[in-house]
Protein backbone atom coordinates (compact mmCIF):
# COMPACT_ATOMS: atom_id res chain seq x y z
CA UNK A 1 0.00 0.00 0.00
CA UNK A 2 1.14 3.53 -0.75
CA UNK A 3 2.26 5.55 2.28
CA UNK A 4 -1.01 7.01 3.60
CA UNK A 5 0.77 10.29 4.31
CA UNK A 6 1.11 10.71 0.54
CA UNK A 7 -2.56 10.35 -0.38
CA UNK A 8 -6.04 10.91 1.05
CA UNK A 9 -8.04 8.11 2.63
CA UNK A 10 -11.21 7.48 0.64
CA UNK A 11 -13.89 6.68 3.22
CA UNK A 12 -17.06 4.90 2.07
CA UNK A 13 -19.74 5.53 4.69
CA UNK A 14 -22.42 2.84 5.10
CA UNK A 15 -22.21 1.65 1.45
CA UNK A 16 -25.17 -0.50 0.44
CA UNK A 17 -24.01 -2.57 -2.54
CA UNK A 18 -20.86 -4.65 -2.74
CA UNK A 19 -20.68 -3.99 -6.47
CA UNK A 20 -20.34 -0.26 -5.83
CA UNK A 21 -17.55 -0.82 -3.31
CA UNK A 22 -15.69 -2.91 -5.89
CA UNK A 23 -16.26 -0.32 -8.62
CA UNK A 24 -14.99 2.40 -6.26
CA UNK A 25 -11.82 0.36 -5.68
CA UNK A 26 -11.26 0.16 -9.45
CA UNK A 27 -11.83 3.90 -9.80
CA UNK A 28 -9.29 4.64 -7.07
CA UNK A 29 -6.63 2.36 -8.52
CA UNK A 30 -7.10 3.87 -12.00
CA UNK A 31 -5.57 7.04 -10.53
CA UNK A 32 -3.03 5.58 -8.15
CA UNK A 33 -5.05 5.70 -4.92
CA UNK A 34 -5.16 2.60 -2.75
CA UNK A 35 -6.12 3.68 0.77
CA UNK A 36 -9.79 2.75 1.25
CA UNK A 37 -11.77 2.79 4.49
CA UNK A 38 -15.22 1.19 4.73
CA UNK A 39 -17.67 2.21 7.47
CA UNK A 40 -20.50 -0.13 8.48
CA UNK A 41 -21.31 -1.60 5.04
CA UNK A 42 -24.91 -2.79 4.82
CA UNK A 43 -24.06 -6.33 3.67
CA UNK A 44 -21.11 -6.92 5.99
CA UNK A 45 -17.38 -7.19 5.39
CA UNK A 46 -15.59 -8.71 3.52
CA UNK A 47 -17.99 -8.71 0.58
CA UNK A 48 -17.62 -11.17 -2.29
CA UNK A 49 -19.63 -9.03 -4.72
CA UNK A 50 -17.17 -6.22 -4.10
CA UNK A 51 -14.26 -8.55 -4.80
CA UNK A 52 -15.80 -9.74 -8.08
CA UNK A 53 -16.45 -6.17 -9.26
CA UNK A 54 -13.02 -4.89 -8.24
CA UNK A 55 -11.31 -7.13 -10.80
CA UNK A 56 -7.64 -6.08 -10.94
CA UNK A 57 -8.05 -3.78 -7.93
CA UNK A 58 -8.88 -6.57 -5.48
CA UNK A 59 -5.77 -5.79 -3.42
CA UNK A 60 -7.39 -2.52 -2.31
CA UNK A 61 -10.25 -4.49 -0.76
CA UNK A 62 -7.85 -6.92 0.91
CA UNK A 63 -6.04 -3.99 2.53
CA UNK A 64 -9.12 -1.78 3.13
CA UNK A 65 -9.69 -0.85 6.77
CA UNK A 66 -13.13 -1.57 8.24
CA UNK A 67 -14.75 0.65 10.88
CA UNK A 68 -18.02 0.58 12.79
CA UNK A 69 -18.51 4.35 12.88
CA UNK A 70 -17.49 7.57 11.12
CA UNK A 71 -15.68 8.99 14.19
CA UNK A 72 -13.54 5.84 14.35
CA UNK A 73 -12.72 6.09 10.64
CA UNK A 74 -11.68 9.74 11.02
CA UNK A 75 -9.79 9.40 14.30
CA UNK A 76 -6.37 10.11 12.73
CA UNK A 77 -7.56 12.60 10.08
CA UNK A 78 -6.58 16.24 10.39
CA UNK A 79 -8.53 17.59 7.39
CA UNK A 80 -11.78 16.04 6.17
CA UNK A 81 -13.74 16.64 2.97
CA UNK A 82 -17.39 15.55 2.73
CA UNK A 83 -18.89 14.96 -0.70
CA UNK A 84 -22.57 15.89 -0.95
CA UNK A 85 -24.96 17.08 -3.64
CA UNK A 86 -27.48 18.55 -1.18
CA UNK A 87 -27.30 21.96 0.43
CA UNK A 88 -26.99 21.70 4.21
CA UNK A 89 -27.94 23.94 7.09
CA UNK A 90 -24.30 23.82 8.21
CA UNK A 91 -21.85 26.68 7.73
CA UNK A 92 -18.77 25.27 6.01
CA UNK A 93 -16.52 26.13 3.07
CA UNK A 94 -17.98 24.67 -0.15
CA UNK A 95 -15.33 23.55 -2.65
CA UNK A 96 -15.33 22.22 -6.19
CA UNK A 97 -13.69 18.80 -6.68
CA UNK A 98 -10.74 20.50 -8.41
CA UNK A 99 -10.06 22.96 -5.59
CA UNK A 100 -10.79 20.35 -2.91
CA UNK A 101 -8.15 17.94 -4.18
CA UNK A 102 -5.66 20.72 -4.72
CA UNK A 103 -6.17 21.66 -1.07
CA UNK A 104 -5.82 18.00 -0.10
CA UNK A 105 -2.57 17.63 -2.03
CA UNK A 106 -1.13 20.81 -0.51
CA UNK A 107 -2.02 19.75 3.02
CA UNK A 108 -0.66 16.23 2.54
CA UNK A 109 2.60 17.68 1.21
CA UNK A 110 2.76 19.68 4.45
CA UNK A 111 2.40 16.49 6.52
CA UNK A 112 -1.32 16.45 7.28
CA UNK A 113 -3.59 13.41 7.05
CA UNK A 114 -6.61 13.94 4.80
CA UNK A 115 -9.82 11.92 4.42
CA UNK A 116 -12.64 12.18 1.87
CA UNK A 117 -16.14 11.03 2.89
CA UNK A 118 -18.59 9.42 0.46
CA UNK A 119 -22.16 8.67 1.57
CA UNK A 120 -24.39 5.65 0.97
CA UNK A 121 -26.00 5.25 -2.42
CA UNK A 122 -29.61 5.96 -1.51
CA UNK A 123 -29.43 8.90 0.87
CA UNK A 124 -25.88 10.26 0.92
CA UNK A 125 -24.12 11.49 4.03
CA UNK A 126 -26.15 12.43 7.10
CA UNK A 127 -25.77 15.81 8.77
CA UNK A 128 -23.93 14.19 11.68
CA UNK A 129 -21.35 12.89 9.19
CA UNK A 130 -20.98 16.22 7.41
CA UNK A 131 -20.64 18.05 10.73
CA UNK A 132 -17.32 16.24 11.28
CA UNK A 133 -15.85 17.54 8.01
CA UNK A 134 -13.65 20.59 7.50
CA UNK A 135 -15.26 21.44 4.15
CA UNK A 136 -17.95 20.27 1.73
CA UNK A 137 -17.27 19.18 -1.85
CA UNK A 138 -20.12 19.72 -4.31
CA UNK A 139 -20.08 18.77 -7.98
CA UNK A 140 -21.73 21.21 -10.45
CA UNK A 141 -24.20 18.68 -11.88
CA UNK A 142 -27.62 18.94 -13.51
CA UNK A 143 -29.92 20.32 -10.75
CA UNK A 144 -32.75 18.17 -12.13
CA UNK A 145 -30.66 15.00 -11.74
CA UNK A 146 -27.95 15.61 -9.17
CA UNK A 147 -27.45 12.11 -7.76
CA UNK A 148 -24.08 10.54 -8.61
CA UNK A 149 -23.40 6.83 -8.27
CA UNK A 150 -20.95 6.11 -5.43
CA UNK A 151 -18.25 4.78 -7.75
CA UNK A 152 -18.73 7.73 -10.13
CA UNK A 153 -18.15 10.16 -7.29
CA UNK A 154 -15.04 8.29 -6.17
CA UNK A 155 -13.79 8.26 -9.77
CA UNK A 156 -14.29 12.01 -10.11
CA UNK A 157 -12.42 12.81 -6.89
CA UNK A 158 -9.64 10.33 -7.73
CA UNK A 159 -9.20 11.92 -11.17
CA UNK A 160 -8.94 15.38 -9.64
CA UNK A 161 -6.41 14.07 -7.12
CA UNK A 162 -4.18 12.75 -9.89
CA UNK A 163 -4.52 16.02 -11.79
CA UNK A 164 -3.55 18.16 -8.82
CA UNK A 165 -0.95 16.09 -7.00
CA UNK A 166 1.89 16.65 -9.45
CA UNK A 167 1.64 20.42 -8.96
CA UNK A 168 1.85 20.57 -5.17
CA UNK A 169 3.16 17.31 -3.71
CA UNK A 170 6.66 18.64 -3.23
CA UNK A 171 5.75 22.04 -1.85
CA UNK A 172 6.72 22.74 1.74
CA UNK A 173 3.88 24.40 3.61
CA UNK A 174 3.73 24.90 7.37
CA UNK A 175 0.03 25.26 8.10
CA UNK A 176 0.17 24.49 11.79
CA UNK A 177 2.97 26.86 12.87
CA UNK A 178 1.87 26.45 16.48
CA UNK A 179 2.47 22.69 16.52
CA UNK A 180 0.93 19.47 15.24
CA UNK A 181 -2.59 19.55 13.84
CA UNK A 182 -5.39 18.12 15.95
CA UNK A 183 -6.66 14.77 14.68
CA UNK A 184 -10.29 13.76 14.28
CA UNK A 185 -10.01 11.87 17.56
CA UNK A 186 -8.70 15.01 19.32
CA UNK A 187 -11.54 17.16 17.97
CA UNK A 188 -14.16 14.52 18.74
CA UNK A 189 -12.96 14.30 22.36
CA UNK A 190 -13.08 18.10 22.61
CA UNK A 191 -16.65 18.13 21.31
CA UNK A 192 -17.65 15.42 23.79
CA UNK A 193 -16.10 17.39 26.66
CA UNK A 194 -17.93 20.62 25.81
CA UNK A 195 -21.22 18.88 25.03
CA UNK A 196 -21.14 16.91 28.29
CA UNK A 197 -20.24 19.93 30.43
CA UNK A 198 -22.68 22.30 28.75
CA UNK A 199 -25.41 19.68 29.08
CA UNK A 200 -24.79 19.49 32.82
CA UNK A 201 -24.97 23.29 32.96
CA UNK A 202 -28.38 23.29 31.25
CA UNK A 203 -27.10 25.11 28.17
CA UNK A 204 -29.04 23.01 25.63
CA UNK A 205 -32.46 24.55 26.18
CA UNK A 206 -35.26 24.28 25.22
CA UNK A 207 -35.24 20.51 24.86
CA UNK A 208 -36.70 20.48 21.34
CA UNK A 209 -33.74 22.54 20.10
CA UNK A 210 -31.04 20.57 21.93
CA UNK A 211 -30.13 18.19 19.09
CA UNK A 212 -29.72 21.04 16.61
CA UNK A 213 -27.61 23.04 19.06
CA UNK A 214 -25.33 20.04 19.66
CA UNK A 215 -24.96 19.50 15.91
CA UNK A 216 -24.03 23.15 15.38
CA UNK A 217 -21.46 22.96 18.17
CA UNK A 218 -19.91 19.83 16.62
CA UNK A 219 -19.85 21.57 13.26
CA UNK A 220 -18.09 24.56 14.82
CA UNK A 221 -15.17 22.46 16.07
CA UNK A 222 -14.69 20.59 12.79
CA UNK A 223 -14.76 23.84 10.78
CA UNK A 224 -11.93 25.39 12.81
CA UNK A 225 -8.28 24.58 11.89
CA UNK A 226 -7.18 23.47 15.37
CA UNK A 227 -3.74 22.39 16.51
CA UNK A 228 -3.27 20.00 19.41
CA UNK A 229 -2.14 22.97 21.50
CA UNK A 230 -5.42 24.73 20.66
CA UNK A 231 -7.39 21.68 21.76
CA UNK A 232 -5.49 21.40 25.04
CA UNK A 233 -6.12 25.10 25.74
CA UNK A 234 -9.85 24.76 25.04
CA UNK A 235 -10.08 21.72 27.33
CA UNK A 236 -8.26 23.72 30.01
CA UNK A 237 -10.54 26.70 29.61
CA UNK A 238 -13.63 24.58 30.21
CA UNK A 239 -12.09 22.76 33.18
CA UNK A 240 -11.09 26.09 34.76
CA UNK A 241 -14.57 27.53 34.26
CA UNK A 242 -16.07 24.52 36.04
CA UNK A 243 -13.56 24.84 38.92
CA UNK A 244 -14.27 28.57 39.18
CA UNK A 245 -18.01 27.92 39.38
CA UNK A 246 -17.53 25.27 42.07
CA UNK A 247 -15.65 27.79 44.25
CA UNK A 248 -18.67 30.10 44.46
């Protein structure tokens, strides 16, 4: 397998058909990508229909990593792109496939780990999935027929990766400056800490708006370019606020 630091992880979230997983593997390998992650596939894993469809790209399926949840699949990712054709009520940068993969290549050249999320065939990514992404990727398709097949979407992003990578792979870019970038696991733990503490403080009120408020808070953390030092400071701020309250 190619060094994962040199390419994005292509993450298939709750895929429904083994044939589409296999076709996605072929699309990736056409453009030199071989790091696939599969999250909670409907028909289980491994999948023989995926193997049959993958043809010469079967090795990608043999080496694909399987996860039970999106947070687990993104635990080591420092920059996440979510592919979606639907407009969301979440404030995030919206990128074209071309610009998204150029950004991915630049960040990977700087040492970051990048993941690209692809949703299930029928419904696409859920808002909870998209909330964990740094940016959204939307394809300018026919508004009267905007649904792309899973493998088609993977093919499009893989093609753009190959087109962009030669231009920026060897650039040296220091995005973090203040230290290492926070991983998906770091940001998820930060979100859990704030959600748990704010819940205890009665912040999520009224009850009927609580879920939306929690989603917006999660979206806020994933949208911010946080270093590990930033995360540690934010944890410390919340802990100190709780200690200060307890002294009263």
